[in-house]
Amino acid sequence: MHEDYLKDAIRVLLGTRHIEVYVRSPVDLIVSKMARYNGPDPEEIEARALHAMSSYVGNLDYLRMNLRDVLEKARKPRAIRQP
């Protein structure tokens, strides 16, 4: 995660001063899922990416192209390695 992820996070008020809960931004959630990618979940990746794109500032063409590549890889069957 980037060093300023808490600036983008949303604080959840629980009514206690002992526990603070934050929800990561959709973009940070997608990036963290891609970083720890442990199996195909293309539907969730696509849904969250498309939601995040609605407020994305930058070149959407590159983002769409990268999303297409990620989804293509996620949908490919993976071979199971034998020990």
Protein backbone atom coordinates (compact mmCIF):
# COMPACT_ATOMS: atom_id res chain seq x y z
CA MET A 1 0.00 0.00 0.00
CA HIS A 2 1.13 3.52 -0.59
CA GLU A 3 2.22 5.63 2.36
CA ASP A 4 -0.85 7.91 2.24
CA TYR A 5 -3.51 5.21 2.13
CA LEU A 6 -5.09 6.45 5.38
CA LYS A 7 -5.78 9.85 3.80
CA ASP A 8 -8.07 8.11 1.29
CA ALA A 9 -9.62 5.75 3.85
CA ILE A 10 -13.05 6.40 5.33
CA ARG A 11 -13.33 6.36 9.13
CA VAL A 12 -16.19 4.33 10.55
CA LEU A 13 -17.55 5.90 13.71
CA LEU A 14 -18.21 3.26 16.36
CA GLY A 15 -18.92 5.53 19.31
CA THR A 16 -15.85 4.44 21.26
CA ARG A 17 -12.49 6.07 21.76
CA HIS A 18 -10.66 2.76 22.16
CA ILE A 19 -11.15 1.39 18.65
CA GLU A 20 -10.72 3.15 15.33
CA VAL A 21 -11.91 1.44 12.15
CA TYR A 22 -11.14 2.62 8.63
CA VAL A 23 -12.39 1.34 5.28
CA ARG A 24 -9.86 1.44 2.46
CA SER A 25 -10.72 3.32 -0.69
CA PRO A 26 -11.87 1.16 -3.63
CA VAL A 27 -8.67 1.92 -5.53
CA ASP A 28 -6.46 0.87 -2.61
CA LEU A 29 -8.52 -2.28 -2.16
CA ILE A 30 -8.04 -3.21 -5.82
CA VAL A 31 -4.32 -2.51 -5.69
CA SER A 32 -3.91 -4.61 -2.53
CA LYS A 33 -5.90 -7.48 -4.08
CA MET A 34 -3.70 -7.39 -7.16
CA ALA A 35 -0.57 -7.25 -4.99
CA ARG A 36 -1.55 -10.34 -2.98
CA TYR A 37 -3.31 -12.02 -5.87
CA ASN A 38 -3.91 -15.58 -4.78
CA GLY A 39 -6.44 -16.86 -7.27
CA PRO A 40 -8.90 -15.76 -9.84
CA ASP A 41 -11.72 -13.55 -8.65
CA PRO A 42 -12.32 -11.68 -11.90
CA GLU A 43 -15.90 -10.64 -11.15
CA GLU A 44 -14.97 -8.82 -7.96
CA ILE A 45 -11.87 -7.28 -9.53
CA GLU A 46 -13.88 -6.01 -12.49
CA ALA A 47 -16.77 -4.67 -10.41
CA ARG A 48 -14.52 -2.78 -8.04
CA ALA A 49 -12.29 -1.48 -10.81
CA LEU A 50 -15.25 -0.17 -12.80
CA HIS A 51 -16.62 1.52 -9.69
CA ALA A 52 -13.26 3.12 -8.95
CA MET A 53 -12.91 4.29 -12.55
CA SER A 54 -15.91 6.58 -12.16
CA SER A 55 -13.82 8.92 -10.01
CA TYR A 56 -10.38 8.16 -11.49
CA VAL A 57 -8.35 11.18 -12.58
CA GLY A 58 -5.98 10.30 -15.38
CA ASN A 59 -5.85 8.40 -18.62
CA LEU A 60 -8.68 5.87 -18.53
CA ASP A 61 -7.44 4.18 -21.72
CA TYR A 62 -4.37 2.79 -19.93
CA LEU A 63 -6.43 1.79 -16.91
CA ARG A 64 -8.95 -0.06 -19.11
CA MET A 65 -6.15 -1.78 -21.00
CA ASN A 66 -4.48 -2.89 -17.75
CA LEU A 67 -7.82 -4.06 -16.35
CA ARG A 68 -8.42 -6.11 -19.50
CA ASP A 69 -5.01 -7.77 -19.08
CA VAL A 70 -5.60 -8.50 -15.38
CA LEU A 71 -9.03 -10.00 -16.09
CA GLU A 72 -7.65 -12.09 -18.96
CA LYS A 73 -5.01 -13.56 -16.64
CA ALA A 74 -7.54 -14.10 -13.84
CA ARG A 75 -9.86 -16.04 -16.12
CA LYS A 76 -7.18 -18.42 -17.40
CA PRO A 77 -7.08 -21.81 -15.70
CA ARG A 78 -3.94 -22.25 -13.64
CA ALA A 79 -1.92 -25.43 -13.66
CA ILE A 80 -1.37 -27.07 -10.32
CA ARG A 81 2.29 -27.64 -9.62
CA GLN A 82 3.26 -31.04 -8.37
CA PRO A 83 5.83 -31.16 -5.54
